[in-house]
Amino acid sequence: MLLPVVMPNAIVIAGPTASGKSALALTLAEKLGGEIINADAMQVYRDLRILTARPTEAEEGMVPHHLYGVADGADAWSAGRFAREAAKVVEDIAARGKVPIVVGGTGLWLKALTVGLSPIPPVPDEVQAEAAARLLEVGMDSFREEVLANDPAMAALKPMDRQRHLRSWSVYRTTGKPLSEWQAEPPQPVTDIPFNGYVLCPPREQLYDQCNTRFEKMVEIGALEEVRGLRQRALPDHLPVMKAVGGPELTSYLAEDMSLPEAIAAAQQATRRLAKRQMTWFRGQAGDWPVFETGKGIIEMACKAVP
């Protein structure tokens, strides 16, 4: 008689930028025979390996890595798209008897994967194109008025948040139902695989020092050249890849609006602010995921949780 396949739980390593999540995930993957899945909204794009602190080619060669650099900068991934793609990868890894190790600092993406998604029907490409054309035709202020007329709850959106206004307009156009009503419905899981989550959050001053040091290293090894190459593509500024931390600041240097030391200092400040927001989010939104200042405790607990 064939015995049922016992699939391992997935591990999630969450935490702020520059906390050491990627190195920890690599250590765990080697110990547990695992494979690593990206959950960082910037590392999904292939354009900015250095600036987004993606694992190096050598690191990716040590254990299998998934969903790193798989998207072109002209594409815009959402939390929903990530969750659906990541769920397929998690299930494939688990079905092969390996341990899925999800690592990243994008809280909404992790929540979408581990908790589930609101049951919003997909928006057809033609409706997305119609929304973009309408925005271009009437301008942001009038477009926002149309969005609020259909869904007053969207008043909470920042007035210049182009992407979320387009999403609201498109969902209403597709379904005839406001996005806020869809979002109020209970989330539907994207996978049945259980997740064991851990948050890596070093002491604040240590984390800020790591943010500063890492950005200086990024510039030394080619981040400036990456930004120059991305800007040469003349992509629209609203795309996610154009908002990668450090990108606008280095762009200002390239445009001769800042000196390089000024650009680096501004980018370091932006990185520290991102880290602070992420720390706040994970401490408030990560539920019962334990928080550790170092990776040692996560390794010990994760190894005990995996058969």
C-alpha atoms as a PDB file:
ATOM      1  CA  MET A   1       0.000   0.000   0.000  1.00  0.00           C
ATOM      2  CA  LEU A   2       1.266   3.428  -0.943  1.00  0.00           C
ATOM      3  CA  LEU A   3       1.638   5.799   1.986  1.00  0.00           C
ATOM      4  CA  PRO A   4       0.317   9.367   1.579  1.00  0.00           C
ATOM      5  CA  VAL A   5       2.903  11.991   0.807  1.00  0.00           C
ATOM      6  CA  VAL A   6       3.512  14.184   3.867  1.00  0.00           C
ATOM      7  CA  MET A   7       4.216  17.694   2.648  1.00  0.00           C
ATOM      8  CA  PRO A   8       6.268  19.950   4.926  1.00  0.00           C
ATOM      9  CA  ASN A   9       5.040  23.276   6.226  1.00  0.00           C
ATOM     10  CA  ALA A  10       6.382  26.353   4.511  1.00  0.00           C
ATOM     11  CA  ILE A  11       8.640  28.725   6.419  1.00  0.00           C
ATOM     12  CA  VAL A  12       8.324  32.508   6.176  1.00  0.00           C
ATOM     13  CA  ILE A  13      11.199  34.795   7.135  1.00  0.00           C
ATOM     14  CA  ALA A  14       9.905  38.344   7.286  1.00  0.00           C
ATOM     15  CA  GLY A  15      11.429  41.579   8.465  1.00  0.00           C
ATOM     16  CA  PRO A  16      12.665  45.021   7.497  1.00  0.00           C
ATOM     17  CA  THR A  17      15.157  45.791   4.785  1.00  0.00           C
ATOM     18  CA  ALA A  18      18.847  45.158   5.574  1.00  0.00           C
ATOM     19  CA  SER A  19      17.986  42.901   8.522  1.00  0.00           C
ATOM     20  CA  GLY A  20      19.824  39.888   7.074  1.00  0.00           C
ATOM     21  CA  LYS A  21      16.793  37.892   5.882  1.00  0.00           C
ATOM     22  CA  SER A  22      18.363  36.639   2.651  1.00  0.00           C
ATOM     23  CA  ALA A  23      21.483  35.270   4.342  1.00  0.00           C
ATOM     24  CA  LEU A  24      19.332  33.625   7.003  1.00  0.00           C
ATOM     25  CA  ALA A  25      17.094  32.037   4.362  1.00  0.00           C
ATOM     26  CA  LEU A  26      20.144  30.641   2.594  1.00  0.00           C
ATOM     27  CA  THR A  27      21.457  29.116   5.828  1.00  0.00           C
ATOM     28  CA  LEU A  28      18.084  27.545   6.565  1.00  0.00           C
ATOM     29  CA  ALA A  29      17.697  26.218   3.039  1.00  0.00           C
ATOM     30  CA  GLU A  30      21.069  24.497   3.271  1.00  0.00           C
ATOM     31  CA  LYS A  31      20.237  23.002   6.671  1.00  0.00           C
ATOM     32  CA  LEU A  32      16.750  21.815   5.771  1.00  0.00           C
ATOM     33  CA  GLY A  33      17.062  20.964   2.105  1.00  0.00           C
ATOM     34  CA  GLY A  34      14.838  23.889   1.248  1.00  0.00           C
ATOM     35  CA  GLU A  35      14.214  26.170  -1.691  1.00  0.00           C
ATOM     36  CA  ILE A  36      13.847  29.946  -1.406  1.00  0.00           C
ATOM     37  CA  ILE A  37      10.921  32.009  -2.698  1.00  0.00           C
ATOM     38  CA  ASN A  38      11.116  35.775  -3.005  1.00  0.00           C
ATOM     39  CA  ALA A  39       8.488  37.956  -1.300  1.00  0.00           C
ATOM     40  CA  ASP A  40      10.094  41.348  -1.905  1.00  0.00           C
ATOM     41  CA  ALA A  41       8.115  43.600  -4.233  1.00  0.00           C
ATOM     42  CA  MET A  42      11.266  45.081  -5.781  1.00  0.00           C
ATOM     43  CA  GLN A  43      13.386  41.944  -6.103  1.00  0.00           C
ATOM     44  CA  VAL A  44      10.833  40.452  -8.474  1.00  0.00           C
ATOM     45  CA  TYR A  45      12.127  42.853 -11.178  1.00  0.00           C
ATOM     46  CA  ARG A  46      15.235  41.926 -13.141  1.00  0.00           C
ATOM     47  CA  ASP A  47      16.391  45.509 -13.756  1.00  0.00           C
ATOM     48  CA  LEU A  48      17.879  46.321 -10.343  1.00  0.00           C
ATOM     49  CA  ARG A  49      19.699  43.347  -8.824  1.00  0.00           C
ATOM     50  CA  ILE A  50      22.179  45.477  -6.871  1.00  0.00           C
ATOM     51  CA  LEU A  51      19.899  48.321  -5.787  1.00  0.00           C
ATOM     52  CA  THR A  52      17.214  45.943  -4.504  1.00  0.00           C
ATOM     53  CA  ALA A  53      19.750  43.687  -2.717  1.00  0.00           C
ATOM     54  CA  ARG A  54      18.770  40.589  -4.639  1.00  0.00           C
ATOM     55  CA  PRO A  55      20.859  37.498  -3.926  1.00  0.00           C
ATOM     56  CA  THR A  56      23.953  37.291  -6.098  1.00  0.00           C
ATOM     57  CA  GLU A  57      24.248  34.771  -8.910  1.00  0.00           C
ATOM     58  CA  ALA A  58      26.614  32.754  -6.713  1.00  0.00           C
ATOM     59  CA  GLU A  59      24.076  32.695  -3.873  1.00  0.00           C
ATOM     60  CA  GLU A  60      21.286  31.706  -6.232  1.00  0.00           C
ATOM     61  CA  GLY A  61      23.469  28.837  -7.393  1.00  0.00           C
ATOM     62  CA  MET A  62      23.845  27.417  -3.878  1.00  0.00           C
ATOM     63  CA  VAL A  63      20.171  26.445  -3.504  1.00  0.00           C
ATOM     64  CA  PRO A  64      17.176  26.920  -5.833  1.00  0.00           C
ATOM     65  CA  HIS A  65      15.731  30.442  -5.757  1.00  0.00           C
ATOM     66  CA  HIS A  66      12.296  31.342  -7.160  1.00  0.00           C
ATOM     67  CA  LEU A  67      10.541  34.571  -8.242  1.00  0.00           C
ATOM     68  CA  TYR A  68      13.726  36.639  -8.253  1.00  0.00           C
ATOM     69  CA  GLY A  69      14.204  38.852 -11.307  1.00  0.00           C
ATOM     70  CA  VAL A  70      11.328  37.208 -13.166  1.00  0.00           C
ATOM     71  CA  ALA A  71       9.515  40.400 -14.188  1.00  0.00           C
ATOM     72  CA  ASP A  72      10.447  43.185 -16.547  1.00  0.00           C
ATOM     73  CA  GLY A  73      10.463  46.679 -15.104  1.00  0.00           C
ATOM     74  CA  ALA A  74       7.684  47.669 -17.521  1.00  0.00           C
ATOM     75  CA  ASP A  75       5.372  45.202 -15.765  1.00  0.00           C
ATOM     76  CA  ALA A  76       3.554  46.003 -12.519  1.00  0.00           C
ATOM     77  CA  TRP A  77       3.070  43.115 -10.126  1.00  0.00           C
ATOM     78  CA  SER A  78       0.361  43.283  -7.478  1.00  0.00           C
ATOM     79  CA  ALA A  79       0.034  41.449  -4.173  1.00  0.00           C
ATOM     80  CA  GLY A  80      -2.608  39.246  -5.749  1.00  0.00           C
ATOM     81  CA  ARG A  81      -0.470  38.269  -8.692  1.00  0.00           C
ATOM     82  CA  PHE A  82       2.441  37.511  -6.391  1.00  0.00           C
ATOM     83  CA  ALA A  83       0.308  35.403  -4.054  1.00  0.00           C
ATOM     84  CA  ARG A  84      -1.063  33.284  -6.874  1.00  0.00           C
ATOM     85  CA  GLU A  85       2.374  32.744  -8.439  1.00  0.00           C
ATOM     86  CA  ALA A  86       4.077  32.089  -5.100  1.00  0.00           C
ATOM     87  CA  ALA A  87       1.372  29.625  -4.033  1.00  0.00           C
ATOM     88  CA  LYS A  88       2.080  27.508  -7.113  1.00  0.00           C
ATOM     89  CA  VAL A  89       5.798  27.505  -6.333  1.00  0.00           C
ATOM     90  CA  VAL A  90       5.232  26.677  -2.651  1.00  0.00           C
ATOM     91  CA  GLU A  91       3.025  23.729  -3.560  1.00  0.00           C
ATOM     92  CA  ASP A  92       5.467  22.427  -6.157  1.00  0.00           C
ATOM     93  CA  ILE A  93       8.393  22.556  -3.723  1.00  0.00           C
ATOM     94  CA  ALA A  94       6.395  20.881  -0.945  1.00  0.00           C
ATOM     95  CA  ALA A  95       5.135  18.169  -3.310  1.00  0.00           C
ATOM     96  CA  ARG A  96       8.755  17.278  -4.050  1.00  0.00           C
ATOM     97  CA  GLY A  97       9.416  16.834  -0.335  1.00  0.00           C
ATOM     98  CA  LYS A  98      11.473  20.017  -0.052  1.00  0.00           C
ATOM     99  CA  VAL A  99      10.895  22.852   2.411  1.00  0.00           C
ATOM    100  CA  PRO A 100       9.530  26.082   0.883  1.00  0.00           C
ATOM    101  CA  ILE A 101      11.238  29.077   2.490  1.00  0.00           C
ATOM    102  CA  VAL A 102       9.525  32.380   1.697  1.00  0.00           C
ATOM    103  CA  VAL A 103      11.612  35.460   2.453  1.00  0.00           C
ATOM    104  CA  GLY A 104      10.872  39.149   2.062  1.00  0.00           C
ATOM    105  CA  GLY A 105       9.898  42.433   3.596  1.00  0.00           C
ATOM    106  CA  THR A 106       6.757  43.327   1.627  1.00  0.00           C
ATOM    107  CA  GLY A 107       4.100  42.816   4.260  1.00  0.00           C
ATOM    108  CA  LEU A 108       1.055  42.978   1.988  1.00  0.00           C
ATOM    109  CA  TRP A 109       2.534  40.354  -0.314  1.00  0.00           C
ATOM    110  CA  LEU A 110       3.242  38.045   2.608  1.00  0.00           C
ATOM    111  CA  LYS A 111      -0.238  38.592   4.008  1.00  0.00           C
ATOM    112  CA  ALA A 112      -1.807  37.819   0.632  1.00  0.00           C
ATOM    113  CA  LEU A 113       0.137  34.553   0.417  1.00  0.00           C
ATOM    114  CA  THR A 114      -0.333  33.347   3.986  1.00  0.00           C
ATOM    115  CA  VAL A 115      -3.834  34.645   4.766  1.00  0.00           C
ATOM    116  CA  GLY A 116      -5.436  34.829   1.331  1.00  0.00           C
ATOM    117  CA  LEU A 117      -7.019  37.261  -1.086  1.00  0.00           C
ATOM    118  CA  SER A 118     -10.347  39.012  -1.357  1.00  0.00           C
ATOM    119  CA  PRO A 119     -12.414  37.222  -4.040  1.00  0.00           C
ATOM    120  CA  ILE A 120     -12.049  40.013  -6.601  1.00  0.00           C
ATOM    121  CA  PRO A 121     -12.585  38.753 -10.171  1.00  0.00           C
ATOM    122  CA  PRO A 122      -9.665  39.340 -12.544  1.00  0.00           C
ATOM    123  CA  VAL A 123      -9.735  42.558 -14.551  1.00  0.00           C
ATOM    124  CA  PRO A 124      -9.447  41.992 -18.321  1.00  0.00           C
ATOM    125  CA  ASP A 125      -6.482  43.573 -20.091  1.00  0.00           C
ATOM    126  CA  GLU A 126      -8.790  45.687 -22.221  1.00  0.00           C
ATOM    127  CA  VAL A 127     -10.366  47.236 -19.116  1.00  0.00           C
ATOM    128  CA  GLN A 128      -6.932  48.027 -17.684  1.00  0.00           C
ATOM    129  CA  ALA A 129      -6.051  49.715 -20.966  1.00  0.00           C
ATOM    130  CA  GLU A 130      -9.362  51.606 -20.906  1.00  0.00           C
ATOM    131  CA  ALA A 131      -8.657  52.844 -17.384  1.00  0.00           C
ATOM    132  CA  ALA A 132      -5.182  54.081 -18.334  1.00  0.00           C
ATOM    133  CA  ALA A 133      -6.570  55.836 -21.408  1.00  0.00           C
ATOM    134  CA  ARG A 134      -9.305  57.470 -19.345  1.00  0.00           C
ATOM    135  CA  LEU A 135      -6.802  58.746 -16.807  1.00  0.00           C
ATOM    136  CA  LEU A 136      -4.664  60.187 -19.589  1.00  0.00           C
ATOM    137  CA  GLU A 137      -7.718  61.801 -21.163  1.00  0.00           C
ATOM    138  CA  VAL A 138      -9.186  63.562 -18.111  1.00  0.00           C
ATOM    139  CA  GLY A 139      -6.182  63.965 -15.796  1.00  0.00           C
ATOM    140  CA  MET A 140      -5.640  62.754 -12.259  1.00  0.00           C
ATOM    141  CA  ASP A 141      -8.006  65.123 -10.462  1.00  0.00           C
ATOM    142  CA  SER A 142     -11.029  64.311 -12.624  1.00  0.00           C
ATOM    143  CA  PHE A 143     -10.158  60.628 -12.670  1.00  0.00           C
ATOM    144  CA  ARG A 144     -10.116  60.611  -8.879  1.00  0.00           C
ATOM    145  CA  GLU A 145     -13.581  62.214  -8.866  1.00  0.00           C
ATOM    146  CA  GLU A 146     -14.857  59.354 -11.033  1.00  0.00           C
ATOM    147  CA  VAL A 147     -13.299  56.802  -8.686  1.00  0.00           C
ATOM    148  CA  LEU A 148     -14.866  58.424  -5.610  1.00  0.00           C
ATOM    149  CA  ALA A 149     -18.244  58.666  -7.315  1.00  0.00           C
ATOM    150  CA  ASN A 150     -18.236  54.883  -7.723  1.00  0.00           C
ATOM    151  CA  ASP A 151     -16.548  54.078  -4.409  1.00  0.00           C
ATOM    152  CA  PRO A 152     -16.494  56.863  -1.768  1.00  0.00           C
ATOM    153  CA  ALA A 153     -14.328  54.705   0.504  1.00  0.00           C
ATOM    154  CA  MET A 154     -11.453  55.318  -1.895  1.00  0.00           C
ATOM    155  CA  ALA A 155     -11.177  58.832  -0.428  1.00  0.00           C
ATOM    156  CA  ALA A 156      -8.589  57.230   1.848  1.00  0.00           C
ATOM    157  CA  LEU A 157      -6.251  56.853  -1.135  1.00  0.00           C
ATOM    158  CA  LYS A 158      -3.526  59.424  -1.571  1.00  0.00           C
ATOM    159  CA  PRO A 159      -4.680  61.804  -4.328  1.00  0.00           C
ATOM    160  CA  MET A 160      -1.707  61.024  -6.576  1.00  0.00           C
ATOM    161  CA  ASP A 161      -1.683  57.247  -6.035  1.00  0.00           C
ATOM    162  CA  ARG A 162      -2.164  56.445  -9.691  1.00  0.00           C
ATOM    163  CA  GLN A 163      -1.940  52.667  -9.415  1.00  0.00           C
ATOM    164  CA  ARG A 164      -4.606  52.228  -6.719  1.00  0.00           C
ATOM    165  CA  HIS A 165      -7.000  54.657  -8.416  1.00  0.00           C
ATOM    166  CA  LEU A 166      -6.653  52.704 -11.642  1.00  0.00           C
ATOM    167  CA  ARG A 167      -7.312  49.493  -9.733  1.00  0.00           C
ATOM    168  CA  SER A 168     -10.489  50.853  -8.150  1.00  0.00           C
ATOM    169  CA  TRP A 169     -11.785  52.245 -11.450  1.00  0.00           C
ATOM    170  CA  SER A 170     -11.037  48.983 -13.280  1.00  0.00           C
ATOM    171  CA  VAL A 171     -12.649  46.713 -10.688  1.00  0.00           C
ATOM    172  CA  TYR A 172     -15.832  48.766 -10.674  1.00  0.00           C
ATOM    173  CA  ARG A 173     -15.878  48.848 -14.481  1.00  0.00           C
ATOM    174  CA  THR A 174     -15.472  45.068 -14.602  1.00  0.00           C
ATOM    175  CA  THR A 175     -17.836  44.002 -11.830  1.00  0.00           C
ATOM    176  CA  GLY A 176     -20.191  46.914 -11.162  1.00  0.00           C
ATOM    177  CA  LYS A 177     -19.264  46.543  -7.498  1.00  0.00           C
ATOM    178  CA  PRO A 178     -16.964  48.933  -5.562  1.00  0.00           C
ATOM    179  CA  LEU A 179     -13.499  47.683  -4.745  1.00  0.00           C
ATOM    180  CA  SER A 180     -14.019  48.483  -1.057  1.00  0.00           C
ATOM    181  CA  GLU A 181     -16.964  46.046  -0.945  1.00  0.00           C
ATOM    182  CA  TRP A 182     -14.865  43.300  -2.499  1.00  0.00           C
ATOM    183  CA  GLN A 183     -12.093  44.003   0.001  1.00  0.00           C
ATOM    184  CA  ALA A 184     -14.538  43.698   2.904  1.00  0.00           C
ATOM    185  CA  GLU A 185     -15.296  40.086   2.010  1.00  0.00           C
ATOM    186  CA  PRO A 186     -13.401  37.323   3.856  1.00  0.00           C
ATOM    187  CA  PRO A 187     -10.113  36.425   2.176  1.00  0.00           C
ATOM    188  CA  GLN A 188      -9.880  33.175   0.265  1.00  0.00           C
ATOM    189  CA  PRO A 189      -6.694  31.116   0.810  1.00  0.00           C
ATOM    190  CA  VAL A 190      -4.427  30.704  -2.198  1.00  0.00           C
ATOM    191  CA  THR A 191      -2.885  27.483  -0.864  1.00  0.00           C
ATOM    192  CA  ASP A 192      -3.578  24.820   1.738  1.00  0.00           C
ATOM    193  CA  ILE A 193       0.083  24.593   2.773  1.00  0.00           C
ATOM    194  CA  PRO A 194       0.518  25.812   6.392  1.00  0.00           C
ATOM    195  CA  PHE A 195       3.058  28.553   7.097  1.00  0.00           C
ATOM    196  CA  ASN A 196       5.401  28.909  10.068  1.00  0.00           C
ATOM    197  CA  GLY A 197       6.311  32.584  10.169  1.00  0.00           C
ATOM    198  CA  TYR A 198       9.210  34.351  11.879  1.00  0.00           C
ATOM    199  CA  VAL A 199      10.209  38.014  11.953  1.00  0.00           C
ATOM    200  CA  LEU A 200      13.869  39.037  11.951  1.00  0.00           C
ATOM    201  CA  CYS A 201      14.145  42.498  13.487  1.00  0.00           C
ATOM    202  CA  PRO A 202      17.566  43.606  14.795  1.00  0.00           C
ATOM    203  CA  PRO A 203      17.849  46.466  17.319  1.00  0.00           C
ATOM    204  CA  ARG A 204      16.971  49.730  15.614  1.00  0.00           C
ATOM    205  CA  GLU A 205      20.383  51.418  15.722  1.00  0.00           C
ATOM    206  CA  GLN A 206      22.072  48.274  14.471  1.00  0.00           C
ATOM    207  CA  LEU A 207      19.543  48.009  11.651  1.00  0.00           C
ATOM    208  CA  TYR A 208      20.033  51.642  10.668  1.00  0.00           C
ATOM    209  CA  ASP A 209      23.814  51.144  10.569  1.00  0.00           C
ATOM    210  CA  GLN A 210      23.271  48.134   8.311  1.00  0.00           C
ATOM    211  CA  CYS A 211      21.045  50.232   6.034  1.00  0.00           C
ATOM    212  CA  ASN A 212      23.716  52.913   5.733  1.00  0.00           C
ATOM    213  CA  THR A 213      26.602  50.530   5.155  1.00  0.00           C
ATOM    214  CA  ARG A 214      24.728  48.434   2.629  1.00  0.00           C
ATOM    215  CA  PHE A 215      23.767  51.409   0.482  1.00  0.00           C
ATOM    216  CA  GLU A 216      27.339  52.637   0.330  1.00  0.00           C
ATOM    217  CA  LYS A 217      28.355  49.146  -0.793  1.00  0.00           C
ATOM    218  CA  MET A 218      25.603  49.148  -3.429  1.00  0.00           C
ATOM    219  CA  VAL A 219      27.013  52.306  -4.973  1.00  0.00           C
ATOM    220  CA  GLU A 220      30.527  50.864  -4.915  1.00  0.00           C
ATOM    221  CA  ILE A 221      29.527  47.731  -6.829  1.00  0.00           C
ATOM    222  CA  GLY A 222      27.330  49.254  -9.515  1.00  0.00           C
ATOM    223  CA  ALA A 223      23.953  50.560  -8.289  1.00  0.00           C
ATOM    224  CA  LEU A 224      24.519  53.852 -10.078  1.00  0.00           C
ATOM    225  CA  GLU A 225      25.041  52.097 -13.395  1.00  0.00           C
ATOM    226  CA  GLU A 226      21.849  50.097 -12.838  1.00  0.00           C
ATOM    227  CA  VAL A 227      19.833  53.252 -12.269  1.00  0.00           C
ATOM    228  CA  ARG A 228      21.369  54.890 -15.318  1.00  0.00           C
ATOM    229  CA  GLY A 229      20.400  51.889 -17.448  1.00  0.00           C
ATOM    230  CA  LEU A 230      16.865  51.844 -16.088  1.00  0.00           C
ATOM    231  CA  ARG A 231      16.376  55.551 -16.743  1.00  0.00           C
ATOM    232  CA  GLN A 232      17.546  55.099 -20.328  1.00  0.00           C
ATOM    233  CA  ARG A 233      14.503  52.890 -20.857  1.00  0.00           C
ATOM    234  CA  ALA A 234      12.267  55.942 -20.266  1.00  0.00           C
ATOM    235  CA  LEU A 235       9.675  53.928 -18.355  1.00  0.00           C
ATOM    236  CA  PRO A 236       6.739  55.792 -16.760  1.00  0.00           C
ATOM    237  CA  ASP A 237       7.553  57.060 -13.284  1.00  0.00           C
ATOM    238  CA  HIS A 238       4.451  55.449 -11.767  1.00  0.00           C
ATOM    239  CA  LEU A 239       5.740  51.906 -12.308  1.00  0.00           C
ATOM    240  CA  PRO A 240       6.850  50.133  -9.099  1.00  0.00           C
ATOM    241  CA  VAL A 241      10.416  49.562 -10.286  1.00  0.00           C
ATOM    242  CA  MET A 242      10.891  53.312 -10.676  1.00  0.00           C
ATOM    243  CA  LYS A 243      10.177  53.765  -6.974  1.00  0.00           C
ATOM    244  CA  ALA A 244      12.853  51.394  -5.682  1.00  0.00           C
ATOM    245  CA  VAL A 245      14.483  52.916  -2.616  1.00  0.00           C
ATOM    246  CA  GLY A 246      17.600  54.793  -3.680  1.00  0.00           C
ATOM    247  CA  GLY A 247      16.530  55.051  -7.300  1.00  0.00           C
ATOM    248  CA  PRO A 248      15.073  58.583  -7.206  1.00  0.00           C
ATOM    249  CA  GLU A 249      18.041  59.852  -5.190  1.00  0.00           C
ATOM    250  CA  LEU A 250      20.639  58.425  -7.571  1.00  0.00           C
ATOM    251  CA  THR A 251      18.574  59.759 -10.469  1.00  0.00           C
ATOM    252  CA  SER A 252      18.861  63.229  -8.939  1.00  0.00           C
ATOM    253  CA  TYR A 253      22.636  62.814  -8.926  1.00  0.00           C
ATOM    254  CA  LEU A 254      22.637  61.719 -12.564  1.00  0.00           C
ATOM    255  CA  ALA A 255      20.531  64.794 -13.399  1.00  0.00           C
ATOM    256  CA  GLU A 256      23.110  66.924 -11.544  1.00  0.00           C
ATOM    257  CA  ASP A 257      20.505  68.058  -9.021  1.00  0.00           C
ATOM    258  CA  MET A 258      22.535  66.568  -6.141  1.00  0.00           C
ATOM    259  CA  SER A 259      26.140  65.749  -5.446  1.00  0.00           C
ATOM    260  CA  LEU A 260      26.887  62.056  -5.041  1.00  0.00           C
ATOM    261  CA  PRO A 261      27.412  62.369  -1.248  1.00  0.00           C
ATOM    262  CA  GLU A 262      24.069  64.201  -0.983  1.00  0.00           C
ATOM    263  CA  ALA A 263      22.325  61.525  -3.037  1.00  0.00           C
ATOM    264  CA  ILE A 264      23.814  58.737  -0.942  1.00  0.00           C
ATOM    265  CA  ALA A 265      22.807  60.452   2.305  1.00  0.00           C
ATOM    266  CA  ALA A 266      19.262  61.001   1.035  1.00  0.00           C
ATOM    267  CA  ALA A 267      19.003  57.367  -0.118  1.00  0.00           C
ATOM    268  CA  GLN A 268      20.277  56.134   3.236  1.00  0.00           C
ATOM    269  CA  GLN A 269      17.621  58.216   4.968  1.00  0.00           C
ATOM    270  CA  ALA A 270      14.939  56.795   2.652  1.00  0.00           C
ATOM    271  CA  THR A 271      16.168  53.281   3.434  1.00  0.00           C
ATOM    272  CA  ARG A 272      16.010  53.906   7.179  1.00  0.00           C
ATOM    273  CA  ARG A 273      12.485  55.271   6.835  1.00  0.00           C
ATOM    274  CA  LEU A 274      11.440  52.170   4.911  1.00  0.00           C
ATOM    275  CA  ALA A 275      12.961  49.969   7.615  1.00  0.00           C
ATOM    276  CA  LYS A 276      11.050  51.870  10.296  1.00  0.00           C
ATOM    277  CA  ARG A 277       7.737  51.459   8.437  1.00  0.00           C
ATOM    278  CA  GLN A 278       8.393  47.768   7.963  1.00  0.00           C
ATOM    279  CA  MET A 279       9.254  47.243  11.632  1.00  0.00           C
ATOM    280  CA  THR A 280       6.004  48.936  12.608  1.00  0.00           C
ATOM    281  CA  TRP A 281       4.005  46.876  10.117  1.00  0.00           C
ATOM    282  CA  PHE A 282       5.407  43.516  11.153  1.00  0.00           C
ATOM    283  CA  ARG A 283       5.039  44.189  14.851  1.00  0.00           C
ATOM    284  CA  GLY A 284       1.395  45.142  14.312  1.00  0.00           C
ATOM    285  CA  GLN A 285       0.317  42.870  11.473  1.00  0.00           C
ATOM    286  CA  ALA A 286       2.335  39.660  11.727  1.00  0.00           C
ATOM    287  CA  GLY A 287      -0.055  38.111  14.240  1.00  0.00           C
ATOM    288  CA  ASP A 288       1.547  35.380  16.301  1.00  0.00           C
ATOM    289  CA  TRP A 289       4.784  35.209  14.312  1.00  0.00           C
ATOM    290  CA  PRO A 290       7.613  35.415  16.880  1.00  0.00           C
ATOM    291  CA  VAL A 291      10.074  38.303  16.555  1.00  0.00           C
ATOM    292  CA  PHE A 292      13.821  37.679  16.882  1.00  0.00           C
ATOM    293  CA  GLU A 293      16.711  40.135  16.987  1.00  0.00           C
ATOM    294  CA  THR A 294      19.114  37.595  15.443  1.00  0.00           C
ATOM    295  CA  GLY A 295      18.741  34.626  13.149  1.00  0.00           C
ATOM    296  CA  LYS A 296      19.947  32.082  15.707  1.00  0.00           C
ATOM    297  CA  GLY A 297      16.579  31.726  17.409  1.00  0.00           C
ATOM    298  CA  ILE A 298      14.774  31.466  14.072  1.00  0.00           C
ATOM    299  CA  ILE A 299      17.091  28.682  12.918  1.00  0.00           C
ATOM    300  CA  GLU A 300      16.553  26.739  16.139  1.00  0.00           C
ATOM    301  CA  MET A 301      12.762  27.098  16.079  1.00  0.00           C
ATOM    302  CA  ALA A 302      12.411  26.464  12.338  1.00  0.00           C
ATOM    303  CA  CYS A 303      14.544  23.322  12.472  1.00  0.00           C
ATOM    304  CA  LYS A 304      12.375  21.940  15.275  1.00  0.00           C
ATOM    305  CA  ALA A 305       9.201  22.721  13.303  1.00  0.00           C
ATOM    306  CA  VAL A 306      10.313  20.806  10.203  1.00  0.00           C
ATOM    307  CA  PRO A 307      10.239  16.992  10.420  1.00  0.00           C
END
